[in-house]
């Protein structure tokens, strides 16, 4: 990414009032619902002839969940406008979220059109789930303001968004986008480099591949695989991620003890994915990363936090008798 060379956006991330959403399918419509619930004015555009009716149905379907989560002051479905053209949709936008289908030529062309039609300096983000911005920004006149803002489905419910620029993106645009998403109520990972598939999709893909291998080989059913996550590690992952979860498997010794004890099993023939070599550099990086993530909390404190969280997840999903809660 390039270093900042020119001002990015005339509006600060916290003061944005109008958002444009280009593409109103499942992901784009989810973004529309999210931004409306956060109190923004939203202008949407999609080339499909029935786009407006589908979009309004999607927003209506999402609204009960958004109401339970808590609506921002002034949030209203009446603040949605569906524009007849792309140019009108972004004419007065202070931020643009593009959510077109995952076709590289389509994305590249659409981002070029958005760059030409959007007011100068306004940040334009793509919801791509796999393409690097470097490959999508090649024909834009001002690629410096193009970033990836990769959400998880549904965007109105799942808080994660991964933000990263391309080789020709201004670092200030990435910083601006991250601040905007945070102001809009998202949980943001700002990546310092492009990674194929980003972070969460890479992890999902590994699990997905293993599941397909097991089904193909008759080793487990789809029901077994889903239950193995929802009744097993998924409960812990809802509280803390796989790295800290494994660190707790090492007991008081933490990740270092876990790697010493279980590290050799990385070469066991369990997985169909090739395991990395557990050399000293990787070993030290994983241990240090877990120490950083723990942020001063002891193993006992992390265990207590995990246990409270898993109980809350069990209760929230109806698997634990709410009346049994002693609190």
Foldseek 3Di string as FASTA:
>chain_A
DAADDDAAFPDFLLPFAEEEQEDCDQASLLVVLLLLQAQHQYEYEYPDPCRVVVSVVSSVVCVVVSVVVPGHPNRDPVSYHYDPDPLVRQQPGQEYEYEDDPDQVVLLVVVQVCLVRHPPNRAYEYQDQFDAQQSRPVPHPQLQRYWYFHADPSNNPAQETEIEGHPRHHPVNSVRVQVNSVSSPHDYDYDPDDDGSPDPSVVVVQLVVQVVVCVVVVNDDPVRSVCCQVVHVVLLCVQPNPLQVLQLVLPQVGLLSSCVVCVVCLPPPPGPDRGDDPDPVNSVVSRVVNVVVCVPPGSVRVVVSSVVSSVVVCVVVPNDDPVVDPD
